[in-house]
Amino acid sequence: MEKLTHQEEEAMQAVWKTGEGSVKQFLDNMPPPGTPYTTLASTIKNLEKKGYLSSRMIGKTYLYKPMIEEDEYKKKFMNGFVRDYFDDSYKALVNFFVEEKKLSAKELKEIIDLIEKK
């Protein structure tokens, strides 16, 4: 599975949100300020070439659907992110967010509660 560019990840977010759909439908599910239609269409074609999407033609419109589930992508690339940037330590990742004041004591307690429930 090839790592996606930021633009490709944004497009995939819209695809996952939409499910099977057209470029226009994906465009409607993208956050403002919006991506030009032609740019998104090109990105969608690239994602198809990379194997992230499949397409079928209905009338004169191509419909695309994801070939990779969002959770599968997240799992693959979060593991790589933690390995590459935090020496394969989730503890170091959490510590980073605590030190950067991106994770409050309340949120950390909620995470601990989630862990304890599993």
PDB file of N, CA and C in Angstrom:
ATOM      1  N   MET A   1       0.849  -1.174   0.000  1.00  0.00           N
ATOM      2  CA  MET A   1       0.000   0.000   0.000  1.00  0.00           C
ATOM      3  C   MET A   1       0.896   1.240   0.000  1.00  0.00           C
ATOM      4  N   GLU A   2       0.720   2.076  -0.963  1.00  0.00           N
ATOM      5  CA  GLU A   2       1.545   3.270  -1.135  1.00  0.00           C
ATOM      6  C   GLU A   2       0.998   4.414  -0.283  1.00  0.00           C
ATOM      7  N   LYS A   3       1.903   5.163   0.368  1.00  0.00           N
ATOM      8  CA  LYS A   3       1.517   6.333   1.154  1.00  0.00           C
ATOM      9  C   LYS A   3       0.938   7.378   0.216  1.00  0.00           C
ATOM     10  N   LEU A   4      -0.151   7.990   0.647  1.00  0.00           N
ATOM     11  CA  LEU A   4      -0.817   8.999  -0.169  1.00  0.00           C
ATOM     12  C   LEU A   4      -0.286  10.389   0.142  1.00  0.00           C
ATOM     13  N   THR A   5      -0.381  11.260  -0.849  1.00  0.00           N
ATOM     14  CA  THR A   5      -0.059  12.670  -0.632  1.00  0.00           C
ATOM     15  C   THR A   5      -1.196  13.290   0.186  1.00  0.00           C
ATOM     16  N   HIS A   6      -0.954  14.490   0.683  1.00  0.00           N
ATOM     17  CA  HIS A   6      -1.990  15.193   1.449  1.00  0.00           C
ATOM     18  C   HIS A   6      -3.258  15.379   0.597  1.00  0.00           C
ATOM     19  N   GLN A   7      -3.075  15.764  -0.636  1.00  0.00           N
ATOM     20  CA  GLN A   7      -4.201  15.974  -1.559  1.00  0.00           C
ATOM     21  C   GLN A   7      -4.965  14.666  -1.787  1.00  0.00           C
ATOM     22  N   GLU A   8      -4.245  13.579  -1.948  1.00  0.00           N
ATOM     23  CA  GLU A   8      -4.882  12.272  -2.148  1.00  0.00           C
ATOM     24  C   GLU A   8      -5.621  11.823  -0.890  1.00  0.00           C
ATOM     25  N   GLU A   9      -5.038  12.098   0.277  1.00  0.00           N
ATOM     26  CA  GLU A   9      -5.710  11.740   1.521  1.00  0.00           C
ATOM     27  C   GLU A   9      -7.004  12.524   1.688  1.00  0.00           C
ATOM     28  N   GLU A  10      -6.987  13.800   1.343  1.00  0.00           N
ATOM     29  CA  GLU A  10      -8.220  14.602   1.406  1.00  0.00           C
ATOM     30  C   GLU A  10      -9.284  14.036   0.474  1.00  0.00           C
ATOM     31  N   ALA A  11      -8.873  13.641  -0.711  1.00  0.00           N
ATOM     32  CA  ALA A  11      -9.815  13.048  -1.662  1.00  0.00           C
ATOM     33  C   ALA A  11     -10.366  11.733  -1.114  1.00  0.00           C
ATOM     34  N   MET A  12      -9.496  10.903  -0.548  1.00  0.00           N
ATOM     35  CA  MET A  12      -9.952   9.629   0.015  1.00  0.00           C
ATOM     36  C   MET A  12     -10.906   9.850   1.185  1.00  0.00           C
ATOM     37  N   GLN A  13     -10.681  10.877   1.978  1.00  0.00           N
ATOM     38  CA  GLN A  13     -11.619  11.193   3.062  1.00  0.00           C
ATOM     39  C   GLN A  13     -13.010  11.453   2.502  1.00  0.00           C
ATOM     40  N   ALA A  14     -13.077  12.185   1.407  1.00  0.00           N
ATOM     41  CA  ALA A  14     -14.366  12.467   0.767  1.00  0.00           C
ATOM     42  C   ALA A  14     -14.972  11.189   0.189  1.00  0.00           C
ATOM     43  N   VAL A  15     -14.143  10.330  -0.383  1.00  0.00           N
ATOM     44  CA  VAL A  15     -14.618   9.060  -0.945  1.00  0.00           C
ATOM     45  C   VAL A  15     -15.180   8.185   0.171  1.00  0.00           C
ATOM     46  N   TRP A  16     -14.435   8.054   1.273  1.00  0.00           N
ATOM     47  CA  TRP A  16     -14.902   7.224   2.389  1.00  0.00           C
ATOM     48  C   TRP A  16     -16.196   7.778   2.971  1.00  0.00           C
ATOM     49  N   LYS A  17     -16.300   9.091   3.008  1.00  0.00           N
ATOM     50  CA  LYS A  17     -17.517   9.726   3.542  1.00  0.00           C
ATOM     51  C   LYS A  17     -18.708   9.477   2.616  1.00  0.00           C
ATOM     52  N   THR A  18     -18.462   9.496   1.321  1.00  0.00           N
ATOM     53  CA  THR A  18     -19.517   9.353   0.314  1.00  0.00           C
ATOM     54  C   THR A  18     -19.887   7.899   0.074  1.00  0.00           C
ATOM     55  N   GLY A  19     -18.879   7.033   0.067  1.00  0.00           N
ATOM     56  CA  GLY A  19     -19.097   5.665  -0.407  1.00  0.00           C
ATOM     57  C   GLY A  19     -18.947   5.709  -1.922  1.00  0.00           C
ATOM     58  N   GLU A  20     -19.648   4.871  -2.634  1.00  0.00           N
ATOM     59  CA  GLU A  20     -19.556   4.915  -4.093  1.00  0.00           C
ATOM     60  C   GLU A  20     -20.169   6.217  -4.584  1.00  0.00           C
ATOM     61  N   GLY A  21     -19.475   6.875  -5.516  1.00  0.00           N
ATOM     62  CA  GLY A  21     -19.998   8.137  -6.026  1.00  0.00           C
ATOM     63  C   GLY A  21     -19.183   8.684  -7.171  1.00  0.00           C
ATOM     64  N   SER A  22     -19.640   9.822  -7.639  1.00  0.00           N
ATOM     65  CA  SER A  22     -18.986  10.527  -8.746  1.00  0.00           C
ATOM     66  C   SER A  22     -18.039  11.585  -8.192  1.00  0.00           C
ATOM     67  N   VAL A  23     -17.211  12.130  -9.057  1.00  0.00           N
ATOM     68  CA  VAL A  23     -16.296  13.200  -8.663  1.00  0.00           C
ATOM     69  C   VAL A  23     -17.096  14.360  -8.070  1.00  0.00           C
ATOM     70  N   LYS A  24     -18.222  14.685  -8.662  1.00  0.00           N
ATOM     71  CA  LYS A  24     -19.067  15.779  -8.162  1.00  0.00           C
ATOM     72  C   LYS A  24     -19.537  15.495  -6.733  1.00  0.00           C
ATOM     73  N   GLN A  25     -19.950  14.265  -6.467  1.00  0.00           N
ATOM     74  CA  GLN A  25     -20.391  13.912  -5.114  1.00  0.00           C
ATOM     75  C   GLN A  25     -19.233  14.002  -4.122  1.00  0.00           C
ATOM     76  N   PHE A  26     -18.046  13.586  -4.541  1.00  0.00           N
ATOM     77  CA  PHE A  26     -16.885  13.681  -3.663  1.00  0.00           C
ATOM     78  C   PHE A  26     -16.565  15.148  -3.376  1.00  0.00           C
ATOM     79  N   LEU A  27     -16.661  15.963  -4.407  1.00  0.00           N
ATOM     80  CA  LEU A  27     -16.396  17.396  -4.269  1.00  0.00           C
ATOM     81  C   LEU A  27     -17.335  18.013  -3.234  1.00  0.00           C
ATOM     82  N   ASP A  28     -18.585  17.573  -3.242  1.00  0.00           N
ATOM     83  CA  ASP A  28     -19.570  18.083  -2.284  1.00  0.00           C
ATOM     84  C   ASP A  28     -19.231  17.692  -0.844  1.00  0.00           C
ATOM     85  N   ASN A  29     -18.442  16.641  -0.668  1.00  0.00           N
ATOM     86  CA  ASN A  29     -18.074  16.170   0.671  1.00  0.00           C
ATOM     87  C   ASN A  29     -16.678  16.603   1.099  1.00  0.00           C
ATOM     88  N   MET A  30     -16.104  17.554   0.376  1.00  0.00           N
ATOM     89  CA  MET A  30     -14.781  18.053   0.749  1.00  0.00           C
ATOM     90  C   MET A  30     -14.932  19.357   1.526  1.00  0.00           C
ATOM     91  N   PRO A  31     -14.021  19.596   2.465  1.00  0.00           N
ATOM     92  CA  PRO A  31     -14.123  20.814   3.278  1.00  0.00           C
ATOM     93  C   PRO A  31     -13.790  22.065   2.473  1.00  0.00           C
ATOM     94  N   PRO A  32     -14.334  23.203   2.902  1.00  0.00           N
ATOM     95  CA  PRO A  32     -13.987  24.472   2.256  1.00  0.00           C
ATOM     96  C   PRO A  32     -12.498  24.732   2.404  1.00  0.00           C
ATOM     97  N   PRO A  33     -11.831  25.470   1.565  1.00  0.00           N
ATOM     98  CA  PRO A  33     -12.409  26.316   0.544  1.00  0.00           C
ATOM     99  C   PRO A  33     -12.779  25.585  -0.735  1.00  0.00           C
ATOM    100  N   GLY A  34     -12.499  24.318  -0.801  1.00  0.00           N
ATOM    101  CA  GLY A  34     -12.871  23.567  -2.003  1.00  0.00           C
ATOM    102  C   GLY A  34     -11.699  23.360  -2.931  1.00  0.00           C
ATOM    103  N   THR A  35     -11.768  22.280  -3.639  1.00  0.00           N
ATOM    104  CA  THR A  35     -10.757  21.910  -4.619  1.00  0.00           C
ATOM    105  C   THR A  35     -11.395  22.079  -5.991  1.00  0.00           C
ATOM    106  N   PRO A  36     -10.673  22.589  -6.972  1.00  0.00           N
ATOM    107  CA  PRO A  36     -11.251  22.672  -8.314  1.00  0.00           C
ATOM    108  C   PRO A  36     -11.640  21.281  -8.825  1.00  0.00           C
ATOM    109  N   TYR A  37     -12.735  21.195  -9.555  1.00  0.00           N
ATOM    110  CA  TYR A  37     -13.255  19.924 -10.057  1.00  0.00           C
ATOM    111  C   TYR A  37     -12.193  19.162 -10.833  1.00  0.00           C
ATOM    112  N   THR A  38     -11.480  19.861 -11.721  1.00  0.00           N
ATOM    113  CA  THR A  38     -10.492  19.171 -12.564  1.00  0.00           C
ATOM    114  C   THR A  38      -9.338  18.601 -11.733  1.00  0.00           C
ATOM    115  N   THR A  39      -8.957  19.317 -10.675  1.00  0.00           N
ATOM    116  CA  THR A  39      -7.901  18.838  -9.789  1.00  0.00           C
ATOM    117  C   THR A  39      -8.349  17.574  -9.070  1.00  0.00           C
ATOM    118  N   LEU A  40      -9.575  17.599  -8.557  1.00  0.00           N
ATOM    119  CA  LEU A  40     -10.097  16.422  -7.865  1.00  0.00           C
ATOM    120  C   LEU A  40     -10.238  15.252  -8.831  1.00  0.00           C
ATOM    121  N   ALA A  41     -10.728  15.502 -10.027  1.00  0.00           N
ATOM    122  CA  ALA A  41     -10.888  14.434 -11.022  1.00  0.00           C
ATOM    123  C   ALA A  41      -9.543  13.787 -11.331  1.00  0.00           C
ATOM    124  N   SER A  42      -8.511  14.589 -11.450  1.00  0.00           N
ATOM    125  CA  SER A  42      -7.168  14.063 -11.707  1.00  0.00           C
ATOM    126  C   SER A  42      -6.669  13.249 -10.514  1.00  0.00           C
ATOM    127  N   THR A  43      -6.912  13.739  -9.319  1.00  0.00           N
ATOM    128  CA  THR A  43      -6.514  13.022  -8.111  1.00  0.00           C
ATOM    129  C   THR A  43      -7.233  11.686  -8.006  1.00  0.00           C
ATOM    130  N   ILE A  44      -8.523  11.675  -8.330  1.00  0.00           N
ATOM    131  CA  ILE A  44      -9.323  10.451  -8.286  1.00  0.00           C
ATOM    132  C   ILE A  44      -8.764   9.425  -9.275  1.00  0.00           C
ATOM    133  N   LYS A  45      -8.412   9.874 -10.467  1.00  0.00           N
ATOM    134  CA  LYS A  45      -7.813   8.964 -11.470  1.00  0.00           C
ATOM    135  C   LYS A  45      -6.498   8.376 -10.948  1.00  0.00           C
ATOM    136  N   ASN A  46      -5.678   9.214 -10.299  1.00  0.00           N
ATOM    137  CA  ASN A  46      -4.414   8.727  -9.734  1.00  0.00           C
ATOM    138  C   ASN A  46      -4.670   7.695  -8.641  1.00  0.00           C
ATOM    139  N   LEU A  47      -5.677   7.938  -7.824  1.00  0.00           N
ATOM    140  CA  LEU A  47      -6.018   6.984  -6.767  1.00  0.00           C
ATOM    141  C   LEU A  47      -6.484   5.655  -7.357  1.00  0.00           C
ATOM    142  N   GLU A  48      -7.170   5.724  -8.478  1.00  0.00           N
ATOM    143  CA  GLU A  48      -7.591   4.496  -9.159  1.00  0.00           C
ATOM    144  C   GLU A  48      -6.358   3.736  -9.678  1.00  0.00           C
ATOM    145  N   LYS A  49      -5.420   4.470 -10.266  1.00  0.00           N
ATOM    146  CA  LYS A  49      -4.202   3.836 -10.781  1.00  0.00           C
ATOM    147  C   LYS A  49      -3.398   3.178  -9.662  1.00  0.00           C
ATOM    148  N   LYS A  50      -3.417   3.780  -8.483  1.00  0.00           N
ATOM    149  CA  LYS A  50      -2.683   3.242  -7.338  1.00  0.00           C
ATOM    150  C   LYS A  50      -3.412   2.081  -6.663  1.00  0.00           C
ATOM    151  N   GLY A  51      -4.651   1.824  -7.086  1.00  0.00           N
ATOM    152  CA  GLY A  51      -5.401   0.708  -6.527  1.00  0.00           C
ATOM    153  C   GLY A  51      -6.268   1.048  -5.329  1.00  0.00           C
ATOM    154  N   TYR A  52      -6.380   2.319  -5.015  1.00  0.00           N
ATOM    155  CA  TYR A  52      -7.216   2.731  -3.890  1.00  0.00           C
ATOM    156  C   TYR A  52      -8.691   2.801  -4.258  1.00  0.00           C
ATOM    157  N   LEU A  53      -8.985   2.966  -5.536  1.00  0.00           N
ATOM    158  CA  LEU A  53     -10.367   3.082  -6.013  1.00  0.00           C
ATOM    159  C   LEU A  53     -10.592   2.156  -7.195  1.00  0.00           C
ATOM    160  N   SER A  54     -11.845   1.777  -7.400  1.00  0.00           N
ATOM    161  CA  SER A  54     -12.247   1.111  -8.637  1.00  0.00           C
ATOM    162  C   SER A  54     -13.350   1.964  -9.244  1.00  0.00           C
ATOM    163  N   SER A  55     -13.576   1.778 -10.526  1.00  0.00           N
ATOM    164  CA  SER A  55     -14.597   2.589 -11.192  1.00  0.00           C
ATOM    165  C   SER A  55     -15.465   1.728 -12.087  1.00  0.00           C
ATOM    166  N   ARG A  56     -16.645   2.260 -12.334  1.00  0.00           N
ATOM    167  CA  ARG A  56     -17.550   1.679 -13.325  1.00  0.00           C
ATOM    168  C   ARG A  56     -18.313   2.830 -13.951  1.00  0.00           C
ATOM    169  N   MET A  57     -18.680   2.637 -15.215  1.00  0.00           N
ATOM    170  CA  MET A  57     -19.371   3.694 -15.928  1.00  0.00           C
ATOM    171  C   MET A  57     -20.874   3.433 -15.907  1.00  0.00           C
ATOM    172  N   ILE A  58     -21.618   4.435 -15.518  1.00  0.00           N
ATOM    173  CA  ILE A  58     -23.077   4.404 -15.556  1.00  0.00           C
ATOM    174  C   ILE A  58     -23.488   5.546 -16.477  1.00  0.00           C
ATOM    175  N   GLY A  59     -23.997   5.200 -17.634  1.00  0.00           N
ATOM    176  CA  GLY A  59     -24.296   6.237 -18.629  1.00  0.00           C
ATOM    177  C   GLY A  59     -23.005   6.895 -19.059  1.00  0.00           C
ATOM    178  N   LYS A  60     -22.915   8.196 -18.842  1.00  0.00           N
ATOM    179  CA  LYS A  60     -21.703   8.931 -19.201  1.00  0.00           C
ATOM    180  C   LYS A  60     -20.886   9.329 -17.972  1.00  0.00           C
ATOM    181  N   THR A  61     -21.248   8.776 -16.830  1.00  0.00           N
ATOM    182  CA  THR A  61     -20.593   9.153 -15.582  1.00  0.00           C
ATOM    183  C   THR A  61     -19.845   7.977 -14.976  1.00  0.00           C
ATOM    184  N   TYR A  62     -18.628   8.248 -14.539  1.00  0.00           N
ATOM    185  CA  TYR A  62     -17.870   7.239 -13.811  1.00  0.00           C
ATOM    186  C   TYR A  62     -18.250   7.312 -12.338  1.00  0.00           C
ATOM    187  N   LEU A  63     -18.509   6.149 -11.770  1.00  0.00           N
ATOM    188  CA  LEU A  63     -18.710   6.038 -10.329  1.00  0.00           C
ATOM    189  C   LEU A  63     -17.504   5.315  -9.756  1.00  0.00           C
ATOM    190  N   TYR A  64     -16.997   5.838  -8.664  1.00  0.00           N
ATOM    191  CA  TYR A  64     -15.812   5.284  -8.017  1.00  0.00           C
ATOM    192  C   TYR A  64     -16.193   4.769  -6.632  1.00  0.00           C
ATOM    193  N   LYS A  65     -15.511   3.711  -6.223  1.00  0.00           N
ATOM    194  CA  LYS A  65     -15.703   3.228  -4.858  1.00  0.00           C
ATOM    195  C   LYS A  65     -14.359   2.845  -4.276  1.00  0.00           C
ATOM    196  N   PRO A  66     -14.243   2.958  -2.961  1.00  0.00           N
ATOM    197  CA  PRO A  66     -12.959   2.635  -2.325  1.00  0.00           C
ATOM    198  C   PRO A  66     -12.676   1.146  -2.353  1.00  0.00           C
ATOM    199  N   MET A  67     -11.420   0.817  -2.597  1.00  0.00           N
ATOM    200  CA  MET A  67     -10.960  -0.575  -2.573  1.00  0.00           C
ATOM    201  C   MET A  67     -10.260  -0.883  -1.244  1.00  0.00           C
ATOM    202  N   ILE A  68     -10.023   0.168  -0.466  1.00  0.00           N
ATOM    203  CA  ILE A  68      -9.358   0.043   0.819  1.00  0.00           C
ATOM    204  C   ILE A  68     -10.218   0.759   1.853  1.00  0.00           C
ATOM    205  N   GLU A  69     -10.494   0.078   2.943  1.00  0.00           N
ATOM    206  CA  GLU A  69     -11.290   0.670   4.014  1.00  0.00           C
ATOM    207  C   GLU A  69     -10.468   1.724   4.758  1.00  0.00           C
ATOM    208  N   GLU A  70     -11.156   2.734   5.260  1.00  0.00           N
ATOM    209  CA  GLU A  70     -10.492   3.813   5.979  1.00  0.00           C
ATOM    210  C   GLU A  70      -9.698   3.278   7.184  1.00  0.00           C
ATOM    211  N   ASP A  71     -10.284   2.366   7.936  1.00  0.00           N
ATOM    212  CA  ASP A  71      -9.594   1.809   9.101  1.00  0.00           C
ATOM    213  C   ASP A  71      -8.317   1.076   8.715  1.00  0.00           C
ATOM    214  N   GLU A  72      -8.351   0.374   7.586  1.00  0.00           N
ATOM    215  CA  GLU A  72      -7.168  -0.345   7.104  1.00  0.00           C
ATOM    216  C   GLU A  72      -6.044   0.644   6.793  1.00  0.00           C
ATOM    217  N   TYR A  73      -6.391   1.754   6.124  1.00  0.00           N
ATOM    218  CA  TYR A  73      -5.399   2.776   5.790  1.00  0.00           C
ATOM    219  C   TYR A  73      -4.825   3.404   7.062  1.00  0.00           C
ATOM    220  N   LYS A  74      -5.708   3.779   7.975  1.00  0.00           N
ATOM    221  CA  LYS A  74      -5.254   4.398   9.223  1.00  0.00           C
ATOM    222  C   LYS A  74      -4.301   3.470   9.978  1.00  0.00           C
ATOM    223  N   LYS A  75      -4.679   2.213  10.078  1.00  0.00           N
ATOM    224  CA  LYS A  75      -3.874   1.257  10.823  1.00  0.00           C
ATOM    225  C   LYS A  75      -2.472   1.134  10.217  1.00  0.00           C
ATOM    226  N   LYS A  76      -2.421   0.989   8.908  1.00  0.00           N
ATOM    227  CA  LYS A  76      -1.147   0.820   8.212  1.00  0.00           C
ATOM    228  C   LYS A  76      -0.237   2.033   8.412  1.00  0.00           C
ATOM    229  N   PHE A  77      -0.795   3.219   8.218  1.00  0.00           N
ATOM    230  CA  PHE A  77       0.053   4.398   8.224  1.00  0.00           C
ATOM    231  C   PHE A  77       0.263   4.995   9.607  1.00  0.00           C
ATOM    232  N   MET A  78      -0.631   4.750  10.541  1.00  0.00           N
ATOM    233  CA  MET A  78      -0.367   5.185  11.914  1.00  0.00           C
ATOM    234  C   MET A  78       0.752   4.346  12.520  1.00  0.00           C
ATOM    235  N   ASN A  79       0.738   3.048  12.237  1.00  0.00           N
ATOM    236  CA  ASN A  79       1.830   2.199  12.727  1.00  0.00           C
ATOM    237  C   ASN A  79       3.170   2.670  12.172  1.00  0.00           C
ATOM    238  N   GLY A  80       3.207   3.015  10.896  1.00  0.00           N
ATOM    239  CA  GLY A  80       4.428   3.526  10.279  1.00  0.00           C
ATOM    240  C   GLY A  80       4.831   4.877  10.844  1.00  0.00           C
ATOM    241  N   PHE A  81       3.858   5.719  11.113  1.00  0.00           N
ATOM    242  CA  PHE A  81       4.114   7.038  11.689  1.00  0.00           C
ATOM    243  C   PHE A  81       4.752   6.911  13.070  1.00  0.00           C
ATOM    244  N   VAL A  82       4.172   6.054  13.897  1.00  0.00           N
ATOM    245  CA  VAL A  82       4.710   5.843  15.246  1.00  0.00           C
ATOM    246  C   VAL A  82       6.111   5.237  15.160  1.00  0.00           C
ATOM    247  N   ARG A  83       6.297   4.297  14.253  1.00  0.00           N
ATOM    248  CA  ARG A  83       7.613   3.671  14.083  1.00  0.00           C
ATOM    249  C   ARG A  83       8.649   4.719  13.633  1.00  0.00           C
ATOM    250  N   ASP A  84       8.293   5.526  12.633  1.00  0.00           N
ATOM    251  CA  ASP A  84       9.254   6.457  12.043  1.00  0.00           C
ATOM    252  C   ASP A  84       9.551   7.678  12.916  1.00  0.00           C
ATOM    253  N   TYR A  85       8.553   8.185  13.632  1.00  0.00           N
ATOM    254  CA  TYR A  85       8.716   9.436  14.364  1.00  0.00           C
ATOM    255  C   TYR A  85       8.825   9.274  15.873  1.00  0.00           C
ATOM    256  N   PHE A  86       8.411   8.118  16.400  1.00  0.00           N
ATOM    257  CA  PHE A  86       8.400   7.929  17.849  1.00  0.00           C
ATOM    258  C   PHE A  86       9.081   6.626  18.270  1.00  0.00           C
ATOM    259  N   ASP A  87      10.008   6.149  17.448  1.00  0.00           N
ATOM    260  CA  ASP A  87      10.808   4.963  17.753  1.00  0.00           C
ATOM    261  C   ASP A  87       9.926   3.784  18.164  1.00  0.00           C
ATOM    262  N   ASP A  88       8.801   3.647  17.462  1.00  0.00           N
ATOM    263  CA  ASP A  88       7.859   2.545  17.664  1.00  0.00           C
ATOM    264  C   ASP A  88       7.263   2.520  19.079  1.00  0.00           C
ATOM    265  N   SER A  89       7.150   3.694  19.698  1.00  0.00           N
ATOM    266  CA  SER A  89       6.631   3.789  21.061  1.00  0.00           C
ATOM    267  C   SER A  89       5.378   4.664  21.099  1.00  0.00           C
ATOM    268  N   TYR A  90       4.256   4.029  21.405  1.00  0.00           N
ATOM    269  CA  TYR A  90       3.011   4.788  21.550  1.00  0.00           C
ATOM    270  C   TYR A  90       3.058   5.656  22.804  1.00  0.00           C
ATOM    271  N   LYS A  91       3.816   5.212  23.794  1.00  0.00           N
ATOM    272  CA  LYS A  91       4.012   6.019  25.002  1.00  0.00           C
ATOM    273  C   LYS A  91       4.701   7.335  24.633  1.00  0.00           C
ATOM    274  N   ALA A  92       5.714   7.270  23.780  1.00  0.00           N
ATOM    275  CA  ALA A  92       6.413   8.483  23.337  1.00  0.00           C
ATOM    276  C   ALA A  92       5.474   9.390  22.545  1.00  0.00           C
ATOM    277  N   LEU A  93       4.581   8.804  21.764  1.00  0.00           N
ATOM    278  CA  LEU A  93       3.599   9.586  21.005  1.00  0.00           C
ATOM    279  C   LEU A  93       2.683  10.352  21.961  1.00  0.00           C
ATOM    280  N   VAL A  94       2.146   9.650  22.955  1.00  0.00           N
ATOM    281  CA  VAL A  94       1.252  10.295  23.928  1.00  0.00           C
ATOM    282  C   VAL A  94       2.014  11.366  24.698  1.00  0.00           C
ATOM    283  N   ASN A  95       3.239  11.053  25.112  1.00  0.00           N
ATOM    284  CA  ASN A  95       4.058  12.022  25.834  1.00  0.00           C
ATOM    285  C   ASN A  95       4.296  13.281  25.001  1.00  0.00           C
ATOM    286  N   PHE A  96       4.525  13.115  23.717  1.00  0.00           N
ATOM    287  CA  PHE A  96       4.720  14.256  22.826  1.00  0.00           C
ATOM    288  C   PHE A  96       3.507  15.185  22.882  1.00  0.00           C
ATOM    289  N   PHE A  97       2.308  14.602  22.779  1.00  0.00           N
ATOM    290  CA  PHE A  97       1.094  15.429  22.791  1.00  0.00           C
ATOM    291  C   PHE A  97       0.860  16.076  24.152  1.00  0.00           C
ATOM    292  N   VAL A  98       1.218  15.399  25.224  1.00  0.00           N
ATOM    293  CA  VAL A  98       1.098  15.983  26.555  1.00  0.00           C
ATOM    294  C   VAL A  98       2.042  17.173  26.677  1.00  0.00           C
ATOM    295  N   GLU A  99       3.306  16.977  26.282  1.00  0.00           N
ATOM    296  CA  GLU A  99       4.301  18.055  26.378  1.00  0.00           C
ATOM    297  C   GLU A  99       3.947  19.246  25.495  1.00  0.00           C
ATOM    298  N   GLU A 100       3.342  18.989  24.360  1.00  0.00           N
ATOM    299  CA  GLU A 100       2.951  20.068  23.444  1.00  0.00           C
ATOM    300  C   GLU A 100       1.623  20.713  23.843  1.00  0.00           C
ATOM    301  N   LYS A 101       1.068  20.248  24.973  1.00  0.00           N
ATOM    302  CA  LYS A 101      -0.209  20.744  25.492  1.00  0.00           C
ATOM    303  C   LYS A 101      -1.350  20.552  24.487  1.00  0.00           C
ATOM    304  N   LYS A 102      -1.277  19.431  23.763  1.00  0.00           N
ATOM    305  CA  LYS A 102      -2.320  19.062  22.801  1.00  0.00           C
ATOM    306  C   LYS A 102      -3.254  18.014  23.395  1.00  0.00           C
ATOM    307  N   LEU A 103      -2.892  17.532  24.606  1.00  0.00           N
ATOM    308  CA  LEU A 103      -3.662  16.483  25.264  1.00  0.00           C
ATOM    309  C   LEU A 103      -3.781  16.877  26.730  1.00  0.00           C
ATOM    310  N   SER A 104      -5.022  17.092  27.165  1.00  0.00           N
ATOM    311  CA  SER A 104      -5.255  17.525  28.541  1.00  0.00           C
ATOM    312  C   SER A 104      -5.281  16.333  29.489  1.00  0.00           C
ATOM    313  N   ALA A 105      -5.222  16.622  30.785  1.00  0.00           N
ATOM    314  CA  ALA A 105      -5.307  15.574  31.807  1.00  0.00           C
ATOM    315  C   ALA A 105      -6.643  14.851  31.704  1.00  0.00           C
ATOM    316  N   LYS A 106      -7.695  15.598  31.421  1.00  0.00           N
ATOM    317  CA  LYS A 106      -9.029  14.996  31.283  1.00  0.00           C
ATOM    318  C   LYS A 106      -9.050  14.018  30.101  1.00  0.00           C
ATOM    319  N   GLU A 107      -8.482  14.430  28.971  1.00  0.00           N
ATOM    320  CA  GLU A 107      -8.435  13.551  27.794  1.00  0.00           C
ATOM    321  C   GLU A 107      -7.569  12.332  28.061  1.00  0.00           C
ATOM    322  N   LEU A 108      -6.467  12.526  28.759  1.00  0.00           N
ATOM    323  CA  LEU A 108      -5.593  11.403  29.099  1.00  0.00           C
ATOM    324  C   LEU A 108      -6.324  10.415  29.998  1.00  0.00           C
ATOM    325  N   LYS A 109      -7.094  10.922  30.942  1.00  0.00           N
ATOM    326  CA  LYS A 109      -7.893  10.056  31.818  1.00  0.00           C
ATOM    327  C   LYS A 109      -8.917   9.274  30.988  1.00  0.00           C
ATOM    328  N   GLU A 110      -9.546   9.925  30.005  1.00  0.00           N
ATOM    329  CA  GLU A 110     -10.507   9.242  29.127  1.00  0.00           C
ATOM    330  C   GLU A 110      -9.814   8.125  28.344  1.00  0.00           C
ATOM    331  N   ILE A 111      -8.592   8.359  27.908  1.00  0.00           N
ATOM    332  CA  ILE A 111      -7.823   7.329  27.185  1.00  0.00           C
ATOM    333  C   ILE A 111      -7.531   6.157  28.116  1.00  0.00           C
ATOM    334  N   ILE A 112      -7.129   6.468  29.330  1.00  0.00           N
ATOM    335  CA  ILE A 112      -6.856   5.406  30.308  1.00  0.00           C
ATOM    336  C   ILE A 112      -8.114   4.596  30.570  1.00  0.00           C
ATOM    337  N   ASP A 113      -9.247   5.267  30.709  1.00  0.00           N
ATOM    338  CA  ASP A 113     -10.524   4.562  30.907  1.00  0.00           C
ATOM    339  C   ASP A 113     -10.829   3.644  29.734  1.00  0.00           C
ATOM    340  N   LEU A 114     -10.579   4.098  28.515  1.00  0.00           N
ATOM    341  CA  LEU A 114     -10.805   3.266  27.319  1.00  0.00           C
ATOM    342  C   LEU A 114      -9.913   2.030  27.349  1.00  0.00           C
ATOM    343  N   ILE A 115      -8.665   2.221  27.723  1.00  0.00           N
ATOM    344  CA  ILE A 115      -7.714   1.098  27.784  1.00  0.00           C
ATOM    345  C   ILE A 115      -8.165   0.084  28.840  1.00  0.00           C
ATOM    346  N   GLU A 116      -8.558   0.578  29.981  1.00  0.00           N
ATOM    347  CA  GLU A 116      -8.962  -0.303  31.072  1.00  0.00           C
ATOM    348  C   GLU A 116     -10.229  -1.098  30.725  1.00  0.00           C
ATOM    349  N   LYS A 117     -11.106  -0.522  29.918  1.00  0.00           N
ATOM    350  CA  LYS A 117     -12.334  -1.219  29.512  1.00  0.00           C
ATOM    351  C   LYS A 117     -12.041  -2.364  28.566  1.00  0.00           C
ATOM    352  N   LYS A 118     -10.941  -2.302  27.835  1.00  0.00           N
ATOM    353  CA  LYS A 118     -10.600  -3.351  26.879  1.00  0.00           C
ATOM    354  C   LYS A 118      -9.795  -4.369  27.608  1.00  0.00           C
TER     355      LYS A 118
END
